[in-house]
C-alpha atoms as a PDB file:
ATOM      1  CA  MET A   1      38.736 106.486   4.337  1.00  0.00           C
ATOM      2  CA  ARG A   2      35.746 104.600   2.951  1.00  0.00           C
ATOM      3  CA  ASP A   3      32.179 104.048   4.099  1.00  0.00           C
ATOM      4  CA  TYR A   4      31.338 100.467   5.057  1.00  0.00           C
ATOM      5  CA  GLU A   5      28.346  98.602   6.357  1.00  0.00           C
ATOM      6  CA  VAL A   6      28.399  95.387   8.392  1.00  0.00           C
ATOM      7  CA  VAL A   7      25.513  93.056   9.219  1.00  0.00           C
ATOM      8  CA  TYR A   8      25.936  90.832  12.275  1.00  0.00           C
ATOM      9  CA  ILE A   9      23.760  87.809  13.038  1.00  0.00           C
ATOM     10  CA  PHE A  10      24.232  86.716  16.647  1.00  0.00           C
ATOM     11  CA  LYS A  11      22.848  83.625  18.321  1.00  0.00           C
ATOM     12  CA  SER A  12      19.379  84.469  19.578  1.00  0.00           C
ATOM     13  CA  SER A  13      20.215  82.994  22.999  1.00  0.00           C
ATOM     14  CA  LEU A  14      22.476  85.984  23.808  1.00  0.00           C
ATOM     15  CA  THR A  15      21.100  88.750  25.997  1.00  0.00           C
ATOM     16  CA  THR A  16      21.024  92.362  24.840  1.00  0.00           C
ATOM     17  CA  GLU A  17      23.837  93.216  27.285  1.00  0.00           C
ATOM     18  CA  GLU A  18      26.050  90.440  25.863  1.00  0.00           C
ATOM     19  CA  ILE A  19      25.405  91.650  22.325  1.00  0.00           C
ATOM     20  CA  GLU A  20      26.177  95.269  23.295  1.00  0.00           C
ATOM     21  CA  GLY A  21      29.452  94.118  24.916  1.00  0.00           C
ATOM     22  CA  ARG A  22      30.492  92.262  21.773  1.00  0.00           C
ATOM     23  CA  LEU A  23      29.596  95.235  19.574  1.00  0.00           C
ATOM     24  CA  GLU A  24      31.757  97.526  21.751  1.00  0.00           C
ATOM     25  CA  GLY A  25      34.688  95.151  21.257  1.00  0.00           C
ATOM     26  CA  TYR A  26      34.160  94.969  17.496  1.00  0.00           C
ATOM     27  CA  HIS A  27      33.713  98.710  17.139  1.00  0.00           C
ATOM     28  CA  GLY A  28      36.751  99.368  19.347  1.00  0.00           C
ATOM     29  CA  ARG A  29      38.838  97.517  16.784  1.00  0.00           C
ATOM     30  CA  ILE A  30      37.456  99.759  14.022  1.00  0.00           C
ATOM     31  CA  LEU A  31      37.986 102.957  16.037  1.00  0.00           C
ATOM     32  CA  ALA A  32      41.587 101.984  16.875  1.00  0.00           C
ATOM     33  CA  LEU A  33      42.744 103.624  13.645  1.00  0.00           C
ATOM     34  CA  ALA A  34      42.747 107.449  13.639  1.00  0.00           C
ATOM     35  CA  GLY A  35      39.962 108.994  11.567  1.00  0.00           C
ATOM     36  CA  SER A  36      37.623 105.991  11.851  1.00  0.00           C
ATOM     37  CA  GLU A  37      34.118 106.459  13.195  1.00  0.00           C
ATOM     38  CA  ILE A  38      30.899 104.536  13.711  1.00  0.00           C
ATOM     39  CA  THR A  39      28.174 106.488  11.904  1.00  0.00           C
ATOM     40  CA  ALA A  40      25.071 104.386  12.695  1.00  0.00           C
ATOM     41  CA  VAL A  41      24.029 101.267  14.597  1.00  0.00           C
ATOM     42  CA  GLU A  42      20.591  99.724  14.181  1.00  0.00           C
ATOM     43  CA  HIS A  43      19.286  96.708  16.071  1.00  0.00           C
ATOM     44  CA  TRP A  44      16.801  94.731  13.976  1.00  0.00           C
ATOM     45  CA  GLY A  45      16.207  92.260  16.777  1.00  0.00           C
ATOM     46  CA  LYS A  46      15.402  88.557  16.620  1.00  0.00           C
ATOM     47  CA  ARG A  47      14.374  87.248  13.226  1.00  0.00           C
ATOM     48  CA  GLN A  48      13.850  83.828  11.706  1.00  0.00           C
ATOM     49  CA  LEU A  49      16.740  82.608   9.560  1.00  0.00           C
ATOM     50  CA  ALA A  50      16.118  81.434   6.009  1.00  0.00           C
ATOM     51  CA  PHE A  51      17.804  78.136   6.912  1.00  0.00           C
ATOM     52  CA  PRO A  52      19.233  76.728  10.160  1.00  0.00           C
ATOM     53  CA  ILE A  53      22.797  77.766  10.977  1.00  0.00           C
ATOM     54  CA  ASP A  54      24.560  75.583  13.552  1.00  0.00           C
ATOM     55  CA  ARG A  55      21.138  74.301  14.672  1.00  0.00           C
ATOM     56  CA  ASN A  56      19.837  77.853  15.198  1.00  0.00           C
ATOM     57  CA  ASP A  57      16.530  78.783  13.566  1.00  0.00           C
ATOM     58  CA  ASN A  58      16.582  82.410  14.787  1.00  0.00           C
ATOM     59  CA  GLY A  59      19.236  85.083  15.007  1.00  0.00           C
ATOM     60  CA  TYR A  60      19.650  88.565  16.432  1.00  0.00           C
ATOM     61  CA  TYR A  61      20.434  91.044  13.649  1.00  0.00           C
ATOM     62  CA  VAL A  62      22.460  94.255  14.032  1.00  0.00           C
ATOM     63  CA  VAL A  63      23.449  96.575  11.155  1.00  0.00           C
ATOM     64  CA  THR A  64      26.316  99.058  11.597  1.00  0.00           C
ATOM     65  CA  GLN A  65      27.698 101.712   9.277  1.00  0.00           C
ATOM     66  CA  PHE A  66      31.225 103.000   9.763  1.00  0.00           C
ATOM     67  CA  THR A  67      33.969 105.000   8.085  1.00  0.00           C
ATOM     68  CA  ALA A  68      37.440 103.479   8.158  1.00  0.00           C
ATOM     69  CA  SER A  69      40.569 102.787   6.197  1.00  0.00           C
ATOM     70  CA  PRO A  70      40.624  99.518   4.238  1.00  0.00           C
ATOM     71  CA  ALA A  71      43.672  98.511   6.328  1.00  0.00           C
ATOM     72  CA  VAL A  72      41.373  97.934   9.339  1.00  0.00           C
ATOM     73  CA  LEU A  73      39.233  95.273   7.634  1.00  0.00           C
ATOM     74  CA  PRO A  74      41.525  92.196   7.760  1.00  0.00           C
ATOM     75  CA  ASP A  75      41.970  92.381  11.563  1.00  0.00           C
ATOM     76  CA  PHE A  76      38.316  93.271  12.050  1.00  0.00           C
ATOM     77  CA  GLU A  77      37.064  90.320   9.989  1.00  0.00           C
ATOM     78  CA  ARG A  78      39.537  87.922  11.628  1.00  0.00           C
ATOM     79  CA  MET A  79      38.138  88.929  15.015  1.00  0.00           C
ATOM     80  CA  LEU A  80      34.575  88.345  13.774  1.00  0.00           C
ATOM     81  CA  LYS A  81      35.426  84.878  12.459  1.00  0.00           C
ATOM     82  CA  LEU A  82      36.814  83.849  15.856  1.00  0.00           C
ATOM     83  CA  ASP A  83      33.594  84.675  17.750  1.00  0.00           C
ATOM     84  CA  ASP A  84      31.538  81.487  18.184  1.00  0.00           C
ATOM     85  CA  ASP A  85      28.384  83.403  19.159  1.00  0.00           C
ATOM     86  CA  LEU A  86      28.357  85.275  15.851  1.00  0.00           C
ATOM     87  CA  LEU A  87      26.527  83.066  13.352  1.00  0.00           C
ATOM     88  CA  ARG A  88      27.219  85.160  10.247  1.00  0.00           C
ATOM     89  CA  HIS A  89      28.573  88.575   9.269  1.00  0.00           C
ATOM     90  CA  LEU A  90      28.904  90.512   6.051  1.00  0.00           C
ATOM     91  CA  VAL A  91      30.995  93.636   5.430  1.00  0.00           C
ATOM     92  CA  VAL A  92      30.210  95.631   2.285  1.00  0.00           C
ATOM     93  CA  LEU A  93      30.779  99.122   0.933  1.00  0.00           C
ATOM     94  CA  SER A  94      27.975 101.363   2.113  1.00  0.00           C
ATOM     95  CA  GLU A  95      25.562 102.766  -0.442  1.00  0.00           C
ATOM     96  CA  GLY A  96      24.063 105.490   1.726  1.00  0.00           C
ATOM     97  CA  GLU A  97      21.215 105.096   4.168  1.00  0.00           C
ATOM     98  CA  LEU A  98      20.874 102.160   6.526  1.00  0.00           C
ATOM     99  CA  PRO A  99      18.698  99.383   5.163  1.00  0.00           C
ATOM    100  CA  VAL A 100      15.312  98.948   6.751  1.00  0.00           C
ATOM    101  CA  PRO A 101      14.135  95.488   7.809  1.00  0.00           C
ATOM    102  CA  VAL A 102      11.099  94.142   5.979  1.00  0.00           C
ATOM    103  CA  GLN A 103       7.991  94.294   8.124  1.00  0.00           C
ATOM    104  CA  TYR A 104       5.399  91.635   7.371  1.00  0.00           C
ATOM    105  CA  GLU A 105       1.748  92.258   7.982  1.00  0.00           C
ATOM    106  CA  ARG A 106      -0.141  89.961  10.302  1.00  0.00           C
ATOM    107  CA  GLY A 107      -1.171  86.779   8.464  1.00  0.00           C
ATOM    108  CA  ASP A 108       1.652  86.963   5.906  1.00  0.00           C
ATOM    109  CA  GLU A 109       3.440  84.021   7.527  1.00  0.00           C
ATOM    110  CA  ASP A 110       0.828  81.606   6.209  1.00  0.00           C
ATOM    111  CA  ARG A 111       1.530  82.840   2.685  1.00  0.00           C
ATOM    112  CA  GLY A 112       5.134  81.724   2.766  1.00  0.00           C
ATOM    113  CA  GLY A 113       6.423  84.979   4.238  1.00  0.00           C
ATOM    114  CA  ARG A 114       5.629  87.063   1.164  1.00  0.00           C
ATOM    115  CA  GLY A 115       4.508  90.594   1.824  1.00  0.00           C
ATOM    116  CA  ARG A 116       1.411  92.224   0.377  1.00  0.00           C
ATOM    117  CA  ARG A 117       3.560  94.232  -2.058  1.00  0.00           C
ATOM    118  CA  ASP A 118       4.656  91.001  -3.769  1.00  0.00           C
ATOM    119  CA  ASP A 119       1.045  89.968  -4.382  1.00  0.00           C
ATOM    120  CA  ASP A 120       0.216  93.374  -5.862  1.00  0.00           C
ATOM    121  CA  GLU A 121       3.207  93.125  -8.215  1.00  0.00           C
ATOM    122  CA  VAL A 122       2.095  89.665  -9.384  1.00  0.00           C
ATOM    123  CA  ARG A 123      -1.428  90.931 -10.081  1.00  0.00           C
ATOM    124  CA  LYS A 124      -0.079  93.918 -11.994  1.00  0.00           C
ATOM    125  CA  LYS A 125       2.161  91.731 -14.176  1.00  0.00           C
ATOM    126  CA  ALA A 126      -0.763  89.405 -14.916  1.00  0.00           C
ATOM    127  CA  ALA A 127      -2.958  92.371 -15.895  1.00  0.00           C
ATOM    128  CA  ASP A 128      -0.235  93.626 -18.250  1.00  0.00           C
ATOM    129  CA  LYS A 129      -0.323  90.314 -20.141  1.00  0.00           C
ATOM    130  CA  VAL A 130      -4.071  90.539 -20.892  1.00  0.00           C
ATOM    131  CA  PRO A 131      -4.649  91.880 -24.434  1.00  0.00           C
ATOM    132  CA  GLU A 132      -6.424  95.227 -24.605  1.00  0.00           C
ATOM    133  CA  ASP A 133      -8.920  94.043 -27.223  1.00  0.00           C
ATOM    134  CA  GLY A 134     -10.404  90.652 -28.027  1.00  0.00           C
ATOM    135  CA  ASP A 135      -8.721  90.389 -31.457  1.00  0.00           C
ATOM    136  CA  ALA A 136      -5.524  88.872 -30.102  1.00  0.00           C
ATOM    137  CA  ALA A 137      -7.474  86.321 -28.072  1.00  0.00           C
ATOM    138  CA  GLU A 138      -9.560  85.378 -31.129  1.00  0.00           C
ATOM    139  CA  GLU A 139      -6.399  84.939 -33.241  1.00  0.00           C
ATOM    140  CA  GLU A 140      -4.906  82.679 -30.578  1.00  0.00           C
ATOM    141  CA  THR A 141      -8.106  80.596 -30.491  1.00  0.00           C
ATOM    142  CA  GLU A 142      -8.162  80.254 -34.292  1.00  0.00           C
ATOM    143  CA  THR A 143      -4.503  79.258 -34.337  1.00  0.00           C
ATOM    144  CA  ALA A 144      -5.119  76.625 -31.679  1.00  0.00           C
ATOM    145  CA  GLU A 145      -8.093  75.239 -33.644  1.00  0.00           C
ATOM    146  CA  ASP A 146      -6.001  75.115 -36.838  1.00  0.00           C
ATOM    147  CA  ASP A 147      -3.242  73.285 -34.982  1.00  0.00           C
ATOM    148  CA  ALA A 148      -5.754  70.772 -33.611  1.00  0.00           C
ATOM    149  CA  GLU A 149      -7.161  70.108 -37.098  1.00  0.00           C
ATOM    150  CA  ALA A 150      -3.662  69.627 -38.530  1.00  0.00           C
ATOM    151  CA  ALA A 151      -2.807  67.184 -35.749  1.00  0.00           C
ATOM    152  CA  GLU A 152      -6.022  65.231 -36.389  1.00  0.00           C
ATOM    153  CA  GLU A 153      -5.277  65.020 -40.133  1.00  0.00           C
ATOM    154  CA  ALA A 154      -1.748  63.804 -39.412  1.00  0.00           C
ATOM    155  CA  ALA A 155      -3.121  61.127 -37.081  1.00  0.00           C
ATOM    156  CA  ASP A 156      -5.600  59.967 -39.752  1.00  0.00           C
ATOM    157  CA  ALA A 157      -2.825  59.781 -42.350  1.00  0.00           C
ATOM    158  CA  ALA A 158      -0.645  57.764 -39.992  1.00  0.00           C
ATOM    159  CA  GLU A 159      -3.552  55.389 -39.324  1.00  0.00           C
ATOM    160  CA  ASP A 160      -4.141  54.937 -43.088  1.00  0.00           C
ATOM    161  CA  ASP A 161      -0.454  54.160 -43.608  1.00  0.00           C
ATOM    162  CA  ALA A 162      -0.545  51.603 -40.793  1.00  0.00           C
ATOM    163  CA  ASP A 163      -3.638  49.941 -42.357  1.00  0.00           C
ATOM    164  CA  ALA A 164      -1.911  49.780 -45.746  1.00  0.00           C
ATOM    165  CA  VAL A 165       1.176  48.137 -44.240  1.00  0.00           C
ATOM    166  CA  GLU A 166      -1.024  45.645 -42.372  1.00  0.00           C
ATOM    167  CA  ASP A 167      -2.885  44.738 -45.616  1.00  0.00           C
ATOM    168  CA  ASP A 168       0.428  44.180 -47.415  1.00  0.00           C
ATOM    169  CA  VAL A 169       1.610  41.884 -44.636  1.00  0.00           C
ATOM    170  CA  GLU A 170      -1.636  39.883 -44.798  1.00  0.00           C
ATOM    171  CA  ASP A 171      -1.390  39.567 -48.615  1.00  0.00           C
ATOM    172  CA  ASP A 172       2.181  38.331 -48.367  1.00  0.00           C
ATOM    173  CA  SER A 173       1.254  35.752 -45.746  1.00  0.00           C
ATOM    174  CA  ASP A 174      -1.679  34.547 -47.893  1.00  0.00           C
ATOM    175  CA  ASP A 175       0.651  34.172 -50.896  1.00  0.00           C
ATOM    176  CA  ALA A 176       3.083  32.196 -48.775  1.00  0.00           C
ATOM    177  CA  GLY A 177       0.250  29.893 -47.671  1.00  0.00           C
ATOM    178  CA  ASP A 178      -0.762  29.254 -51.343  1.00  0.00           C
ATOM    179  CA  ASP A 179       2.804  28.286 -52.222  1.00  0.00           C
ATOM    180  CA  ASP A 180       2.864  25.770 -49.365  1.00  0.00           C
ATOM    181  CA  ASP A 181      -0.395  24.199 -50.651  1.00  0.00           C
ATOM    182  CA  ALA A 182       1.045  23.918 -54.171  1.00  0.00           C
ATOM    183  CA  ASP A 183       4.182  22.221 -52.855  1.00  0.00           C
ATOM    184  CA  ALA A 184       2.092  19.747 -50.874  1.00  0.00           C
ATOM    185  CA  THR A 185       0.007  18.884 -53.955  1.00  0.00           C
ATOM    186  CA  ARG A 186       3.095  18.196 -56.093  1.00  0.00           C
ATOM    187  CA  ARG A 187       4.496  15.731 -53.553  1.00  0.00           C
ATOM    188  CA  ASP A 188       1.339  13.670 -53.688  1.00  0.00           C
END
């Protein structure tokens, strides 16, 4: 016997009585084998889905823990797959206590659904990155200034090279023009 946990997501249009009836059928299949037992059932209720499933934006969540032989699982999961009112299910090995649904504080929806704990963790990580003394910040500033000076010098050098190439091109074109004048004078 092993401990398992299953999460059901039903269509939100089902009534509580319909969901209870389906759960009795599912759990009856588990309990059919001697020694199996349902240890906990928790209704999380209607919740918004992360993405639409079969044009459903909400689902009714139920989490169940049970003890059963692994031989029960294939029939159990086949039965779950055949139920059209069950949007999704997941059977995993249980790790102990039932999971608790995340409760958002009022106003968290406008922050993308993130809870207050997430914001506190972000602030803490940002505070950890701040140097304890100003020396590190000064070194970073000096390094940035040195990099800017080096980039400016490189740009000046590139500009000087471009001017030198342009002067050479002009000198060559002037020399070519002098040769043409000499040729024209000889013909006369």
